[in-house]
Amino acid sequence: MIKAVLLDLDNTLILFDEPGFYRSFFDEMASAFEDLIPAEDLIRRCVAATMALKENRGSMLNRDWFSRAFDAGDGLPMTRFWDRWLRFYREIYGPFGTLVTVPAGQADLVHRLVHRGVMRVIASNPIFPGIALERRMAWGGLDPADFSMLTTMDNMSFVKPHAGYFSSIAEALGVAPKECLMVGNDPVNDMAAAGAGMMTYRTTDASEVHFATLTGEAPAAAADNAPAPDFHGPLSRVWETITPLLG
């Protein structure tokens, strides 16, 4: 019986061109930090620190792991960087939502899960702080109050596709992995939930699967070894697919 549904965000609940998005993202971020650090150094260190999150195996929060990897001891205190980073998400990140569209059935699915009392998780790869995730949710008309849990770098100690990421969500919810369904478009990062014992549903709304630029995935090789989903189809068919499994 399914007690919890984990929902990926990027190209699952909101659709957009990820490579194009991140090009604009880095341009805006470089401008926001130009008085603190050269653009090339900022981007290089952000990418390197984000990729380093894949090595976290639960020993510390992703935020702390990122901070340790980002800090080059060059006179830019992490507190100063972090304060500016959070301000960037509060003041500049919002308009990026104009690049996003919403897949059919998104609002209806969330409404039905809420009404049925199924636990709901925004299971976005936790490489950003909470404020950034909430901004991206707002682009798709999603209210954090409608979800039991949001995974961010502030509350997670693993990233996708590590099985520990999915196991720690189940543990936090107080359910067994086999009572969870992971819904997402990514054949590697999302379908890896099967390795933790969860059921999986791969969405097909995105016309092309874009692996997040920041995680440095090797799409072809990684996808070839990805586990097959239990279900697949558009987001609009998730509810009818899982209804018999709700008990």
Protein backbone atom coordinates (compact mmCIF):
# COMPACT_ATOMS: atom_id res chain seq x y z
CA MET A 1 0.00 0.00 0.00
CA ILE A 2 1.31 3.45 -0.91
CA LYS A 3 1.40 5.85 2.02
CA ALA A 4 3.75 8.50 0.57
CA VAL A 5 4.36 9.93 -2.88
CA LEU A 6 7.70 11.60 -3.58
CA LEU A 7 7.53 14.13 -6.40
CA ASP A 8 10.55 15.43 -8.25
CA LEU A 9 10.26 19.11 -9.19
CA ASP A 10 12.41 19.99 -12.22
CA ASN A 11 10.90 18.66 -15.46
CA THR A 12 8.34 16.72 -13.44
CA LEU A 13 6.10 19.23 -11.64
CA ILE A 14 7.51 22.17 -13.59
CA LEU A 15 8.90 21.99 -17.12
CA PHE A 16 11.76 24.03 -18.52
CA ASP A 17 14.97 23.91 -20.52
CA GLU A 18 17.50 23.14 -17.79
CA PRO A 19 20.72 23.94 -19.70
CA GLY A 20 19.27 27.26 -20.87
CA PHE A 21 17.98 27.99 -17.40
CA TYR A 22 21.36 27.46 -15.78
CA ARG A 23 23.12 29.67 -18.31
CA SER A 24 20.84 32.53 -17.29
CA PHE A 25 21.16 31.54 -13.64
CA PHE A 26 24.95 31.76 -13.68
CA ASP A 27 24.90 35.08 -15.53
CA GLU A 28 22.61 36.62 -12.93
CA MET A 29 24.51 35.08 -10.04
CA ALA A 30 27.83 36.40 -11.36
CA SER A 31 26.37 39.92 -11.49
CA ALA A 32 25.04 39.62 -7.96
CA PHE A 33 28.49 38.63 -6.62
CA GLU A 34 30.74 40.77 -8.82
CA ASP A 35 31.93 42.92 -5.90
CA LEU A 36 32.93 39.84 -3.87
CA ILE A 37 34.42 37.33 -6.29
CA PRO A 38 35.29 37.13 -10.02
CA ALA A 39 32.58 35.43 -12.07
CA GLU A 40 34.80 32.57 -13.27
CA ASP A 41 35.91 31.74 -9.73
CA LEU A 42 32.36 31.89 -8.41
CA ILE A 43 30.96 29.56 -11.05
CA ARG A 44 33.88 27.15 -10.80
CA ARG A 45 33.59 26.91 -7.03
CA CYS A 46 29.80 26.58 -7.05
CA VAL A 47 29.91 23.78 -9.59
CA ALA A 48 32.75 22.00 -7.79
CA ALA A 49 31.03 22.29 -4.40
CA THR A 50 27.75 21.02 -5.84
CA MET A 51 29.44 18.05 -7.48
CA ALA A 52 31.19 17.34 -4.18
CA LEU A 53 27.79 16.75 -2.59
CA LYS A 54 27.70 13.37 -4.31
CA GLU A 55 30.42 12.27 -1.89
CA ASN A 56 28.34 13.05 1.20
CA ARG A 57 27.25 9.80 2.80
CA GLY A 58 25.17 11.15 5.64
CA SER A 59 27.97 12.53 7.80
CA MET A 60 26.70 16.12 7.72
CA LEU A 61 23.99 18.27 6.19
CA ASN A 62 24.47 19.04 2.52
CA ARG A 63 24.64 22.73 3.37
CA ASP A 64 27.69 22.13 5.56
CA TRP A 65 29.29 19.81 3.00
CA PHE A 66 28.78 22.41 0.27
CA SER A 67 30.21 25.17 2.47
CA ARG A 68 33.32 23.13 3.26
CA ALA A 69 33.89 22.34 -0.43
CA PHE A 70 33.23 25.91 -1.55
CA ASP A 71 35.49 27.58 1.01
CA ALA A 72 38.89 28.20 -0.58
CA GLY A 73 40.32 30.14 2.34
CA ASP A 74 40.81 33.17 0.12
CA GLY A 75 39.38 35.85 2.35
CA LEU A 76 35.73 35.44 1.38
CA PRO A 77 34.06 34.30 4.62
CA MET A 78 31.35 31.72 4.09
CA THR A 79 28.94 33.74 6.20
CA ARG A 80 29.30 36.65 3.81
CA PHE A 81 28.87 34.41 0.77
CA TRP A 82 25.87 32.66 2.32
CA ASP A 83 24.11 35.90 3.22
CA ARG A 84 24.54 37.17 -0.34
CA TRP A 85 23.45 33.82 -1.79
CA LEU A 86 20.19 33.81 0.19
CA ARG A 87 19.55 37.44 -0.80
CA PHE A 88 20.08 36.44 -4.43
CA TYR A 89 17.31 33.84 -4.13
CA ARG A 90 14.98 36.26 -2.34
CA GLU A 91 15.44 39.25 -4.65
CA ILE A 92 16.65 38.05 -8.07
CA TYR A 93 15.69 34.41 -8.53
CA GLY A 94 11.93 34.99 -8.65
CA PRO A 95 11.59 36.29 -12.24
CA PHE A 96 13.21 33.12 -13.58
CA GLY A 97 9.75 31.61 -13.31
CA THR A 98 8.85 33.12 -16.67
CA LEU A 99 10.88 30.27 -18.23
CA VAL A 100 8.67 27.59 -16.65
CA THR A 101 5.50 25.83 -17.82
CA VAL A 102 3.27 23.49 -15.84
CA PRO A 103 2.44 19.94 -17.02
CA ALA A 104 -1.17 18.90 -17.39
CA GLY A 105 -2.69 17.42 -14.25
CA GLN A 106 -0.17 18.84 -11.81
CA ALA A 107 -2.59 20.78 -9.58
CA ASP A 108 -5.19 18.01 -9.74
CA LEU A 109 -2.69 15.38 -8.62
CA VAL A 110 -1.57 17.41 -5.61
CA HIS A 111 -5.18 18.17 -4.68
CA ARG A 112 -6.15 14.49 -4.83
CA LEU A 113 -3.16 13.41 -2.75
CA VAL A 114 -3.98 16.03 -0.12
CA HIS A 115 -7.67 15.05 -0.06
CA ARG A 116 -6.84 11.34 0.25
CA GLY A 117 -4.36 11.97 3.07
CA VAL A 118 -1.36 10.54 1.23
CA MET A 119 1.92 12.00 2.46
CA ARG A 120 3.48 14.25 -0.15
CA VAL A 121 7.16 15.10 -0.56
CA ILE A 122 8.83 17.55 -2.92
CA ALA A 123 11.79 15.28 -3.63
CA SER A 124 13.96 17.70 -5.58
CA ASN A 125 17.68 16.98 -5.57
CA PRO A 126 18.76 18.76 -2.34
CA ILE A 127 21.54 20.91 -3.76
CA PHE A 128 19.88 24.27 -3.02
CA PRO A 129 18.72 26.01 0.16
CA GLY A 130 15.08 25.95 1.14
CA ILE A 131 14.30 29.44 -0.10
CA ALA A 132 15.45 28.50 -3.61
CA LEU A 133 13.22 25.41 -3.64
CA GLU A 134 10.21 27.41 -2.46
CA ARG A 135 10.84 29.97 -5.22
CA ARG A 136 10.88 27.22 -7.85
CA MET A 137 7.73 25.69 -6.40
CA ALA A 138 5.99 29.06 -6.67
CA TRP A 139 6.76 29.15 -10.40
CA GLY A 140 4.51 26.12 -10.75
CA GLY A 141 1.80 27.39 -8.40
CA LEU A 142 2.80 24.92 -5.68
CA ASP A 143 2.25 25.78 -2.01
CA PRO A 144 4.81 24.38 0.48
CA ALA A 145 1.94 24.00 2.98
CA ASP A 146 0.46 21.26 0.77
CA PHE A 147 3.48 19.01 1.34
CA SER A 148 4.61 16.90 4.24
CA MET A 149 8.30 17.46 3.49
CA LEU A 150 10.56 19.46 1.17
CA THR A 151 14.06 18.10 0.60
CA THR A 152 16.75 20.78 0.57
CA MET A 153 20.44 21.12 1.40
CA ASP A 154 19.29 22.38 4.80
CA ASN A 155 17.71 19.08 5.88
CA MET A 156 19.33 16.31 3.80
CA SER A 157 22.69 14.55 4.05
CA PHE A 158 22.61 12.72 0.71
CA VAL A 159 21.83 13.70 -2.87
CA LYS A 160 20.32 11.75 -5.74
CA PRO A 161 20.89 9.09 -6.93
CA HIS A 162 22.26 7.69 -3.66
CA ALA A 163 19.87 5.23 -2.02
CA GLY A 164 20.46 6.98 1.30
CA TYR A 165 18.59 10.01 0.00
CA PHE A 166 15.40 8.00 -0.51
CA SER A 167 15.82 5.92 2.63
CA SER A 168 16.24 9.01 4.79
CA ILE A 169 12.98 10.46 3.42
CA ALA A 170 11.09 7.27 4.29
CA GLU A 171 12.64 7.30 7.76
CA ALA A 172 11.67 10.94 8.30
CA LEU A 173 8.09 10.15 7.28
CA GLY A 174 7.94 7.07 9.47
CA VAL A 175 7.07 4.70 6.63
CA ALA A 176 8.79 1.77 4.94
CA PRO A 177 10.42 2.43 1.54
CA LYS A 178 8.07 -0.14 -0.03
CA GLU A 179 5.19 2.12 1.00
CA CYS A 180 6.58 4.98 -1.09
CA LEU A 181 6.29 5.88 -4.77
CA MET A 182 8.91 8.09 -6.41
CA VAL A 183 7.59 10.14 -9.35
CA GLY A 184 10.11 11.83 -11.61
CA ASN A 185 11.40 12.25 -15.14
CA ASP A 186 15.06 11.42 -14.60
CA PRO A 187 15.97 7.79 -15.40
CA VAL A 188 19.01 7.94 -13.12
CA ASN A 189 18.38 10.37 -10.28
CA ASP A 190 14.71 9.52 -9.75
CA MET A 191 14.43 5.88 -10.73
CA ALA A 192 17.31 5.15 -8.32
CA ALA A 193 14.59 5.09 -5.66
CA ALA A 194 14.08 1.46 -6.66
CA GLY A 195 17.44 0.70 -5.06
CA ALA A 196 16.01 1.83 -1.73
CA GLY A 197 12.98 -0.42 -2.16
CA MET A 198 10.52 2.18 -3.44
CA MET A 199 8.14 1.88 -6.36
CA THR A 200 8.82 4.27 -9.24
CA TYR A 201 6.86 6.17 -11.89
CA ARG A 202 8.80 7.85 -14.68
CA THR A 203 7.02 10.85 -16.17
CA THR A 204 7.13 11.58 -19.89
CA ASP A 205 5.95 15.20 -20.01
CA ALA A 206 9.34 16.72 -20.69
CA SER A 207 10.02 16.47 -24.40
CA GLU A 208 13.67 15.78 -23.68
CA VAL A 209 15.40 14.64 -20.50
CA HIS A 210 18.00 17.21 -19.41
CA PHE A 211 20.45 16.11 -16.76
CA ALA A 212 21.11 18.97 -14.37
CA THR A 213 24.23 20.84 -15.44
CA LEU A 214 25.35 21.23 -11.84
CA THR A 215 25.56 17.52 -11.06
CA GLY A 216 27.87 16.57 -13.90
CA GLU A 217 26.01 13.41 -14.88
CA ALA A 218 27.07 11.42 -17.96
CA PRO A 219 23.59 10.98 -19.50
CA ALA A 220 24.02 8.17 -22.03
CA ALA A 221 26.17 5.83 -19.94
CA ALA A 222 24.23 6.45 -16.74
CA ALA A 223 20.82 6.04 -18.35
CA ASP A 224 21.81 2.71 -19.90
CA ASN A 225 22.27 1.24 -16.43
CA ALA A 226 19.23 2.87 -14.85
CA PRO A 227 16.57 0.58 -13.37
CA ALA A 228 13.33 0.27 -15.32
CA PRO A 229 10.40 2.10 -13.70
CA ASP A 230 7.41 0.24 -12.32
CA PHE A 231 5.16 2.65 -14.20
CA HIS A 232 5.61 5.39 -16.78
CA GLY A 233 3.47 7.96 -18.55
CA PRO A 234 2.40 11.59 -18.23
CA LEU A 235 2.00 13.21 -14.83
CA SER A 236 -1.73 13.39 -15.47
CA ARG A 237 -1.96 9.59 -15.25
CA VAL A 238 -0.18 9.19 -11.90
CA TRP A 239 -3.39 9.34 -9.87
CA GLU A 240 -5.26 6.69 -11.85
CA THR A 241 -2.16 4.49 -11.77
CA ILE A 242 -1.71 4.58 -8.01
CA THR A 243 -5.35 4.63 -6.87
CA PRO A 244 -5.57 0.81 -6.65
CA LEU A 245 -2.40 0.84 -4.54
CA LEU A 246 -3.68 3.24 -1.90
CA GLY A 247 -5.68 0.64 -0.01
